[in-house]
Amino acid sequence: MGTLYQSPIKSSSPNIIQDLKVIIHDTFTILPPEKTEPRSMFLSNIDQVLNFNVETVHFFVANPDFPPQLVAEKLKMALTKALVPYDFLAGRLRLNPDSKRFEFDCNGAGARFVVGSSEFELSEIGDLVYPNPGFRQLVQKSYDNVAMHDKPLCIIQVE
């Protein structure tokens, strides 16, 4: 395995837009399309210690044959279908009162799906290789003050 290194482009003033002007259009709770068996899922010792959110942002060039509404609908349907075999994604994290360990409560409470947009094109927001503080706007933050047992384990945001 190797690492791809791209040398920085020399520029006196890089084109970095920090306010991406993200607008959230809709937020859905996606439930499994069929009943799943309620159960608890054991979490390893590493999972007990490393309990934090993983926030990732992925950029894809738009395909003109697939308008954003169609892409969002297809991703929403794919997530819906995935919640049957991957039922823990529709669950919640909880502390088991007996063992005092965190576990996944596979309760079918649902995953979240957020649809948003920005007034900027991908080519306008600067070099995607380098960190941009504006990318934080692309991660849903409305669950920061929600109790752990009510917080979705999976949130997907499509811009």
N, C-alpha and C. Protein backbone atom coordinates (compact mmCIF):
# COMPACT_ATOMS: atom_id res chain seq x y z
N MET A 1 0.86 -1.17 0.00
CA MET A 1 0.00 0.00 0.00
C MET A 1 0.89 1.22 0.00
N GLY A 2 0.45 2.24 -0.68
CA GLY A 2 1.20 3.48 -0.74
C GLY A 2 0.29 4.65 -0.44
N THR A 3 0.89 5.77 -0.32
CA THR A 3 0.15 6.99 -0.05
C THR A 3 0.26 7.90 -1.25
N LEU A 4 -0.84 8.43 -1.68
CA LEU A 4 -0.85 9.37 -2.78
C LEU A 4 -0.57 10.75 -2.22
N TYR A 5 0.48 11.38 -2.70
CA TYR A 5 0.82 12.72 -2.23
C TYR A 5 0.65 13.69 -3.37
N GLN A 6 -0.06 14.74 -3.11
CA GLN A 6 -0.24 15.80 -4.09
C GLN A 6 0.41 17.05 -3.51
N SER A 7 1.45 17.54 -4.19
CA SER A 7 2.14 18.71 -3.66
C SER A 7 1.24 19.92 -3.71
N PRO A 8 1.36 20.80 -2.72
CA PRO A 8 0.50 21.97 -2.66
C PRO A 8 0.70 22.88 -3.87
N ILE A 9 -0.38 23.46 -4.32
CA ILE A 9 -0.32 24.42 -5.41
C ILE A 9 0.12 25.74 -4.81
N LYS A 10 1.16 26.30 -5.38
CA LYS A 10 1.67 27.57 -4.87
C LYS A 10 0.71 28.67 -5.29
N SER A 11 0.17 29.35 -4.31
CA SER A 11 -0.76 30.45 -4.57
C SER A 11 -0.67 31.42 -3.41
N SER A 12 -0.68 32.68 -3.72
CA SER A 12 -0.60 33.68 -2.66
C SER A 12 -1.93 33.80 -1.93
N SER A 13 -3.02 33.48 -2.59
CA SER A 13 -4.34 33.60 -1.97
C SER A 13 -5.20 32.42 -2.40
N PRO A 14 -5.18 31.31 -1.63
CA PRO A 14 -5.99 30.16 -2.03
C PRO A 14 -7.48 30.49 -1.99
N ASN A 15 -8.21 29.86 -2.90
CA ASN A 15 -9.65 30.08 -3.01
C ASN A 15 -10.36 29.15 -2.03
N ILE A 16 -10.53 29.61 -0.79
CA ILE A 16 -11.20 28.81 0.23
C ILE A 16 -12.46 29.56 0.67
N ILE A 17 -13.60 28.96 0.40
CA ILE A 17 -14.87 29.53 0.85
C ILE A 17 -15.20 28.85 2.16
N GLN A 18 -15.28 29.62 3.24
CA GLN A 18 -15.54 29.03 4.55
C GLN A 18 -17.02 29.00 4.90
N ASP A 19 -17.82 29.85 4.29
CA ASP A 19 -19.27 29.80 4.52
C ASP A 19 -19.91 29.18 3.29
N LEU A 20 -20.22 27.90 3.38
CA LEU A 20 -20.77 27.18 2.24
C LEU A 20 -22.26 27.42 2.05
N LYS A 21 -22.85 28.21 2.94
CA LYS A 21 -24.27 28.56 2.85
C LYS A 21 -25.15 27.31 2.66
N VAL A 22 -25.01 26.38 3.62
CA VAL A 22 -25.76 25.13 3.58
C VAL A 22 -27.18 25.39 4.06
N ILE A 23 -28.13 24.90 3.31
CA ILE A 23 -29.55 25.00 3.66
C ILE A 23 -30.08 23.57 3.82
N ILE A 24 -30.66 23.27 4.97
CA ILE A 24 -31.28 21.96 5.20
C ILE A 24 -32.72 22.03 4.71
N HIS A 25 -33.06 21.16 3.75
CA HIS A 25 -34.40 21.16 3.16
C HIS A 25 -35.36 20.21 3.88
N ASP A 26 -34.83 19.06 4.29
CA ASP A 26 -35.71 18.08 4.92
C ASP A 26 -34.90 17.11 5.76
N THR A 27 -35.51 16.60 6.80
CA THR A 27 -34.90 15.60 7.67
C THR A 27 -35.93 14.50 7.90
N PHE A 28 -35.51 13.26 7.68
CA PHE A 28 -36.40 12.12 7.82
C PHE A 28 -35.84 11.13 8.83
N THR A 29 -36.73 10.44 9.52
CA THR A 29 -36.34 9.25 10.27
C THR A 29 -36.68 8.07 9.38
N ILE A 30 -35.68 7.29 9.05
CA ILE A 30 -35.85 6.14 8.18
C ILE A 30 -35.98 4.90 9.05
N LEU A 31 -37.09 4.21 8.92
CA LEU A 31 -37.34 2.99 9.69
C LEU A 31 -37.09 1.77 8.82
N PRO A 32 -36.72 0.64 9.41
CA PRO A 32 -36.59 -0.59 8.62
C PRO A 32 -37.94 -0.91 7.96
N PRO A 33 -37.93 -1.33 6.68
CA PRO A 33 -39.19 -1.60 5.98
C PRO A 33 -39.93 -2.84 6.46
N GLU A 34 -39.25 -3.67 7.24
CA GLU A 34 -39.91 -4.83 7.83
C GLU A 34 -39.46 -4.97 9.27
N LYS A 35 -40.23 -5.69 10.04
CA LYS A 35 -39.96 -5.85 11.47
C LYS A 35 -38.62 -6.56 11.67
N THR A 36 -37.83 -6.01 12.56
CA THR A 36 -36.57 -6.66 12.94
C THR A 36 -36.69 -7.12 14.38
N GLU A 37 -35.93 -8.15 14.72
CA GLU A 37 -35.98 -8.72 16.06
C GLU A 37 -35.29 -7.79 17.06
N PRO A 38 -36.00 -7.32 18.09
CA PRO A 38 -35.32 -6.49 19.11
C PRO A 38 -34.26 -7.32 19.83
N ARG A 39 -33.07 -6.73 19.98
CA ARG A 39 -31.98 -7.44 20.64
C ARG A 39 -30.93 -6.44 21.08
N SER A 40 -30.03 -6.89 21.91
CA SER A 40 -28.87 -6.10 22.31
C SER A 40 -27.66 -6.64 21.60
N MET A 41 -26.77 -5.74 21.19
CA MET A 41 -25.55 -6.15 20.51
C MET A 41 -24.34 -5.80 21.38
N PHE A 42 -23.58 -6.82 21.70
CA PHE A 42 -22.39 -6.67 22.53
C PHE A 42 -21.38 -5.78 21.82
N LEU A 43 -20.74 -4.89 22.56
CA LEU A 43 -19.67 -4.06 22.04
C LEU A 43 -18.36 -4.46 22.71
N SER A 44 -17.29 -4.49 21.95
CA SER A 44 -15.99 -4.92 22.46
C SER A 44 -15.44 -3.94 23.49
N ASN A 45 -14.36 -4.34 24.14
CA ASN A 45 -13.70 -3.46 25.10
C ASN A 45 -13.19 -2.19 24.43
N ILE A 46 -12.72 -2.31 23.21
CA ILE A 46 -12.27 -1.11 22.48
C ILE A 46 -13.44 -0.17 22.25
N ASP A 47 -14.60 -0.72 21.88
CA ASP A 47 -15.79 0.11 21.68
C ASP A 47 -16.22 0.80 22.96
N GLN A 48 -15.96 0.18 24.10
CA GLN A 48 -16.32 0.79 25.38
C GLN A 48 -15.49 2.05 25.64
N VAL A 49 -14.24 2.00 25.24
CA VAL A 49 -13.31 3.10 25.51
C VAL A 49 -13.37 4.17 24.43
N LEU A 50 -13.45 3.75 23.19
CA LEU A 50 -13.45 4.69 22.06
C LEU A 50 -14.87 5.02 21.64
N ASN A 51 -15.55 5.73 22.48
CA ASN A 51 -16.96 6.08 22.25
C ASN A 51 -17.04 7.52 21.78
N PHE A 52 -17.02 7.71 20.46
CA PHE A 52 -17.11 9.04 19.89
C PHE A 52 -17.75 8.96 18.50
N ASN A 53 -18.24 10.08 18.04
CA ASN A 53 -18.85 10.15 16.71
C ASN A 53 -17.76 10.19 15.64
N VAL A 54 -18.02 9.50 14.55
CA VAL A 54 -17.13 9.56 13.40
C VAL A 54 -17.86 10.38 12.34
N GLU A 55 -17.29 11.53 12.03
CA GLU A 55 -17.90 12.44 11.06
C GLU A 55 -17.03 12.43 9.81
N THR A 56 -17.61 12.02 8.70
CA THR A 56 -16.87 12.01 7.44
C THR A 56 -17.64 12.79 6.39
N VAL A 57 -16.91 13.37 5.48
CA VAL A 57 -17.50 14.09 4.36
C VAL A 57 -16.88 13.52 3.09
N HIS A 58 -17.71 13.15 2.15
CA HIS A 58 -17.25 12.61 0.87
C HIS A 58 -17.79 13.52 -0.24
N PHE A 59 -16.95 13.80 -1.22
CA PHE A 59 -17.35 14.65 -2.33
C PHE A 59 -17.39 13.81 -3.61
N PHE A 60 -18.45 13.99 -4.38
CA PHE A 60 -18.61 13.30 -5.65
C PHE A 60 -19.08 14.33 -6.69
N VAL A 61 -18.48 14.27 -7.86
CA VAL A 61 -18.89 15.15 -8.94
C VAL A 61 -20.28 14.71 -9.40
N ALA A 62 -21.17 15.67 -9.59
CA ALA A 62 -22.54 15.37 -10.00
C ALA A 62 -22.58 14.80 -11.41
N ASN A 63 -23.44 13.83 -11.61
CA ASN A 63 -23.68 13.27 -12.93
C ASN A 63 -24.91 13.98 -13.48
N PRO A 64 -24.79 14.64 -14.63
CA PRO A 64 -25.94 15.39 -15.17
C PRO A 64 -27.16 14.52 -15.48
N ASP A 65 -26.96 13.21 -15.62
CA ASP A 65 -28.09 12.31 -15.88
C ASP A 65 -28.90 12.00 -14.63
N PHE A 66 -28.36 12.38 -13.46
CA PHE A 66 -29.04 12.10 -12.20
C PHE A 66 -29.18 13.40 -11.41
N PRO A 67 -30.34 14.04 -11.47
CA PRO A 67 -30.54 15.28 -10.70
C PRO A 67 -30.46 15.01 -9.20
N PRO A 68 -30.12 16.03 -8.42
CA PRO A 68 -29.94 15.85 -6.97
C PRO A 68 -31.13 15.19 -6.27
N GLN A 69 -32.34 15.51 -6.68
CA GLN A 69 -33.52 14.93 -6.04
C GLN A 69 -33.57 13.42 -6.25
N LEU A 70 -33.21 12.97 -7.46
CA LEU A 70 -33.21 11.54 -7.76
C LEU A 70 -32.11 10.82 -6.97
N VAL A 71 -30.93 11.43 -6.88
CA VAL A 71 -29.83 10.84 -6.11
C VAL A 71 -30.24 10.72 -4.64
N ALA A 72 -30.83 11.77 -4.09
CA ALA A 72 -31.26 11.73 -2.68
C ALA A 72 -32.30 10.63 -2.48
N GLU A 73 -33.23 10.50 -3.39
CA GLU A 73 -34.28 9.47 -3.25
C GLU A 73 -33.68 8.06 -3.33
N LYS A 74 -32.74 7.86 -4.25
CA LYS A 74 -32.11 6.54 -4.37
C LYS A 74 -31.28 6.20 -3.13
N LEU A 75 -30.55 7.17 -2.59
CA LEU A 75 -29.78 6.93 -1.37
C LEU A 75 -30.70 6.66 -0.18
N LYS A 76 -31.81 7.36 -0.11
CA LYS A 76 -32.78 7.14 0.97
C LYS A 76 -33.36 5.72 0.89
N MET A 77 -33.69 5.28 -0.33
CA MET A 77 -34.22 3.92 -0.49
C MET A 77 -33.15 2.87 -0.16
N ALA A 78 -31.90 3.12 -0.53
CA ALA A 78 -30.81 2.18 -0.23
C ALA A 78 -30.62 2.07 1.29
N LEU A 79 -30.65 3.20 1.98
CA LEU A 79 -30.53 3.17 3.44
C LEU A 79 -31.70 2.40 4.06
N THR A 80 -32.89 2.63 3.56
CA THR A 80 -34.07 1.94 4.07
C THR A 80 -33.89 0.42 3.96
N LYS A 81 -33.44 -0.04 2.80
CA LYS A 81 -33.24 -1.48 2.58
C LYS A 81 -32.11 -2.03 3.46
N ALA A 82 -31.06 -1.22 3.67
CA ALA A 82 -29.91 -1.67 4.46
C ALA A 82 -30.27 -1.86 5.93
N LEU A 83 -31.33 -1.21 6.40
CA LEU A 83 -31.69 -1.29 7.83
C LEU A 83 -32.28 -2.63 8.24
N VAL A 84 -32.52 -3.52 7.28
CA VAL A 84 -32.98 -4.87 7.64
C VAL A 84 -31.78 -5.75 7.99
N PRO A 85 -30.82 -5.96 7.07
CA PRO A 85 -29.67 -6.80 7.46
C PRO A 85 -28.71 -6.11 8.44
N TYR A 86 -28.69 -4.79 8.41
CA TYR A 86 -27.83 -4.03 9.33
C TYR A 86 -28.72 -3.29 10.33
N ASP A 87 -29.52 -4.07 11.05
CA ASP A 87 -30.54 -3.50 11.94
C ASP A 87 -29.96 -2.63 13.05
N PHE A 88 -28.70 -2.86 13.43
CA PHE A 88 -28.11 -2.04 14.50
C PHE A 88 -28.01 -0.57 14.09
N LEU A 89 -27.96 -0.27 12.79
CA LEU A 89 -27.90 1.12 12.33
C LEU A 89 -29.18 1.89 12.67
N ALA A 90 -30.26 1.16 12.89
CA ALA A 90 -31.53 1.80 13.26
C ALA A 90 -31.74 1.77 14.77
N GLY A 91 -30.73 1.35 15.50
CA GLY A 91 -30.83 1.25 16.95
C GLY A 91 -30.26 2.47 17.66
N ARG A 92 -30.01 2.29 18.94
CA ARG A 92 -29.48 3.36 19.78
C ARG A 92 -28.40 2.78 20.69
N LEU A 93 -27.53 3.64 21.15
CA LEU A 93 -26.52 3.24 22.11
C LEU A 93 -27.13 3.34 23.50
N ARG A 94 -26.87 2.34 24.34
CA ARG A 94 -27.39 2.41 25.71
C ARG A 94 -26.39 1.79 26.66
N LEU A 95 -26.52 2.15 27.91
CA LEU A 95 -25.71 1.58 28.97
C LEU A 95 -26.52 0.47 29.63
N ASN A 96 -26.00 -0.73 29.57
CA ASN A 96 -26.67 -1.86 30.19
C ASN A 96 -26.58 -1.69 31.71
N PRO A 97 -27.73 -1.61 32.41
CA PRO A 97 -27.69 -1.36 33.85
C PRO A 97 -27.08 -2.51 34.66
N ASP A 98 -27.12 -3.71 34.12
CA ASP A 98 -26.55 -4.85 34.85
C ASP A 98 -25.04 -4.96 34.68
N SER A 99 -24.58 -4.91 33.43
CA SER A 99 -23.15 -5.09 33.17
C SER A 99 -22.37 -3.78 33.20
N LYS A 100 -23.09 -2.66 33.19
CA LYS A 100 -22.45 -1.33 33.16
C LYS A 100 -21.58 -1.15 31.92
N ARG A 101 -21.97 -1.81 30.82
CA ARG A 101 -21.26 -1.71 29.55
C ARG A 101 -22.18 -1.08 28.51
N PHE A 102 -21.57 -0.36 27.58
CA PHE A 102 -22.34 0.14 26.44
C PHE A 102 -22.67 -1.01 25.51
N GLU A 103 -23.84 -0.92 24.90
CA GLU A 103 -24.25 -1.90 23.89
C GLU A 103 -25.19 -1.21 22.91
N PHE A 104 -25.35 -1.83 21.76
CA PHE A 104 -26.33 -1.34 20.80
C PHE A 104 -27.68 -1.94 21.15
N ASP A 105 -28.67 -1.10 21.29
CA ASP A 105 -30.05 -1.53 21.48
C ASP A 105 -30.67 -1.55 20.09
N CYS A 106 -30.75 -2.74 19.51
CA CYS A 106 -31.30 -2.89 18.16
C CYS A 106 -32.82 -2.86 18.28
N ASN A 107 -33.36 -1.65 18.33
CA ASN A 107 -34.78 -1.45 18.62
C ASN A 107 -35.58 -0.91 17.44
N GLY A 108 -34.94 -0.71 16.29
CA GLY A 108 -35.66 -0.24 15.11
C GLY A 108 -36.14 1.19 15.20
N ALA A 109 -35.54 2.00 16.07
CA ALA A 109 -35.97 3.39 16.24
C ALA A 109 -35.68 4.25 15.01
N GLY A 110 -34.75 3.81 14.16
CA GLY A 110 -34.54 4.48 12.89
C GLY A 110 -33.22 5.22 12.77
N ALA A 111 -32.81 5.37 11.52
CA ALA A 111 -31.65 6.18 11.15
C ALA A 111 -32.18 7.53 10.67
N ARG A 112 -31.30 8.51 10.57
CA ARG A 112 -31.71 9.84 10.10
C ARG A 112 -31.16 10.07 8.71
N PHE A 113 -31.95 10.75 7.89
CA PHE A 113 -31.56 11.10 6.53
C PHE A 113 -31.87 12.58 6.34
N VAL A 114 -30.84 13.34 5.99
CA VAL A 114 -30.95 14.79 5.88
C VAL A 114 -30.65 15.19 4.45
N VAL A 115 -31.50 16.05 3.89
CA VAL A 115 -31.29 16.57 2.54
C VAL A 115 -31.03 18.06 2.64
N GLY A 116 -29.91 18.48 2.08
CA GLY A 116 -29.55 19.89 2.10
C GLY A 116 -28.96 20.31 0.77
N SER A 117 -28.59 21.57 0.70
CA SER A 117 -27.95 22.08 -0.52
C SER A 117 -27.07 23.27 -0.15
N SER A 118 -26.25 23.64 -1.10
CA SER A 118 -25.39 24.81 -0.98
C SER A 118 -25.54 25.59 -2.28
N GLU A 119 -25.34 26.88 -2.20
CA GLU A 119 -25.44 27.67 -3.42
C GLU A 119 -24.16 27.58 -4.25
N PHE A 120 -23.14 26.87 -3.73
CA PHE A 120 -21.87 26.77 -4.44
C PHE A 120 -21.76 25.44 -5.18
N GLU A 121 -21.11 25.47 -6.32
CA GLU A 121 -20.76 24.26 -7.05
C GLU A 121 -19.51 23.67 -6.39
N LEU A 122 -19.29 22.38 -6.57
CA LEU A 122 -18.12 21.72 -6.01
C LEU A 122 -16.83 22.40 -6.46
N SER A 123 -16.78 22.82 -7.70
CA SER A 123 -15.57 23.44 -8.24
C SER A 123 -15.29 24.82 -7.64
N GLU A 124 -16.28 25.40 -6.96
CA GLU A 124 -16.12 26.75 -6.41
C GLU A 124 -15.61 26.77 -4.98
N ILE A 125 -15.63 25.64 -4.28
CA ILE A 125 -15.31 25.69 -2.85
C ILE A 125 -13.84 25.47 -2.54
N GLY A 126 -13.01 25.41 -3.55
CA GLY A 126 -11.58 25.32 -3.31
C GLY A 126 -11.05 23.92 -3.46
N ASP A 127 -9.78 23.76 -3.12
CA ASP A 127 -9.09 22.49 -3.24
C ASP A 127 -9.57 21.54 -2.15
N LEU A 128 -10.14 20.41 -2.54
CA LEU A 128 -10.71 19.47 -1.58
C LEU A 128 -9.66 18.62 -0.88
N VAL A 129 -8.41 18.70 -1.31
CA VAL A 129 -7.33 17.93 -0.70
C VAL A 129 -6.98 18.49 0.67
N TYR A 130 -7.18 19.78 0.87
CA TYR A 130 -6.76 20.44 2.10
C TYR A 130 -7.96 20.73 2.99
N PRO A 131 -7.75 20.69 4.30
CA PRO A 131 -8.85 20.97 5.23
C PRO A 131 -9.43 22.37 5.01
N ASN A 132 -10.72 22.46 5.19
CA ASN A 132 -11.42 23.73 5.08
C ASN A 132 -12.40 23.79 6.25
N PRO A 133 -12.31 24.79 7.11
CA PRO A 133 -13.23 24.90 8.25
C PRO A 133 -14.71 24.89 7.81
N GLY A 134 -14.97 25.31 6.60
CA GLY A 134 -16.34 25.33 6.10
C GLY A 134 -16.95 23.95 5.93
N PHE A 135 -16.12 22.90 5.80
CA PHE A 135 -16.63 21.54 5.65
C PHE A 135 -17.42 21.10 6.87
N ARG A 136 -17.19 21.71 8.03
CA ARG A 136 -17.94 21.35 9.25
C ARG A 136 -19.44 21.60 9.06
N GLN A 137 -19.79 22.53 8.17
CA GLN A 137 -21.20 22.82 7.91
C GLN A 137 -21.89 21.66 7.20
N LEU A 138 -21.12 20.75 6.66
CA LEU A 138 -21.67 19.61 5.93
C LEU A 138 -21.97 18.41 6.82
N VAL A 139 -21.79 18.58 8.12
CA VAL A 139 -22.05 17.50 9.08
C VAL A 139 -23.19 17.93 9.99
N GLN A 140 -24.24 17.11 10.04
CA GLN A 140 -25.43 17.41 10.84
C GLN A 140 -25.06 17.50 12.32
N LYS A 141 -25.39 18.59 12.97
CA LYS A 141 -25.02 18.80 14.37
C LYS A 141 -26.23 18.95 15.30
N SER A 142 -27.41 18.75 14.84
CA SER A 142 -28.58 19.02 15.65
C SER A 142 -28.80 18.00 16.77
N TYR A 143 -27.93 16.99 16.89
CA TYR A 143 -28.12 15.96 17.92
C TYR A 143 -27.13 16.10 19.06
N ASP A 144 -26.38 17.18 19.08
CA ASP A 144 -25.38 17.36 20.13
C ASP A 144 -25.99 17.41 21.52
N ASN A 145 -27.20 17.92 21.66
CA ASN A 145 -27.84 18.06 22.98
C ASN A 145 -28.91 17.02 23.24
N VAL A 146 -28.95 15.97 22.43
CA VAL A 146 -29.94 14.90 22.59
C VAL A 146 -29.37 13.82 23.50
N ALA A 147 -30.19 13.29 24.36
CA ALA A 147 -29.76 12.22 25.27
C ALA A 147 -29.25 11.02 24.47
N MET A 148 -28.24 10.33 25.01
CA MET A 148 -27.60 9.21 24.31
C MET A 148 -28.61 8.18 23.83
N HIS A 149 -29.60 7.83 24.66
CA HIS A 149 -30.54 6.77 24.29
C HIS A 149 -31.54 7.22 23.21
N ASP A 150 -31.54 8.49 22.84
CA ASP A 150 -32.40 8.99 21.78
C ASP A 150 -31.64 9.36 20.52
N LYS A 151 -30.32 9.31 20.56
CA LYS A 151 -29.47 9.75 19.46
C LYS A 151 -29.34 8.64 18.41
N PRO A 152 -29.64 8.95 17.15
CA PRO A 152 -29.47 7.92 16.10
C PRO A 152 -28.01 7.51 15.96
N LEU A 153 -27.79 6.24 15.65
CA LEU A 153 -26.43 5.76 15.42
C LEU A 153 -25.96 6.10 14.01
N CYS A 154 -26.88 6.27 13.10
CA CYS A 154 -26.53 6.53 11.70
C CYS A 154 -27.28 7.77 11.22
N ILE A 155 -26.52 8.76 10.76
CA ILE A 155 -27.10 9.96 10.16
C ILE A 155 -26.40 10.18 8.83
N ILE A 156 -27.17 10.24 7.77
CA ILE A 156 -26.61 10.50 6.44
C ILE A 156 -27.18 11.80 5.94
N GLN A 157 -26.29 12.68 5.50
CA GLN A 157 -26.70 13.99 4.99
C GLN A 157 -26.25 14.08 3.54
N VAL A 158 -27.17 14.40 2.65
CA VAL A 158 -26.91 14.53 1.23
C VAL A 158 -27.06 16.00 0.86
N GLU A 159 -26.03 16.56 0.23
CA GLU A 159 -26.07 17.97 -0.18
C GLU A 159 -26.15 18.02 -1.69
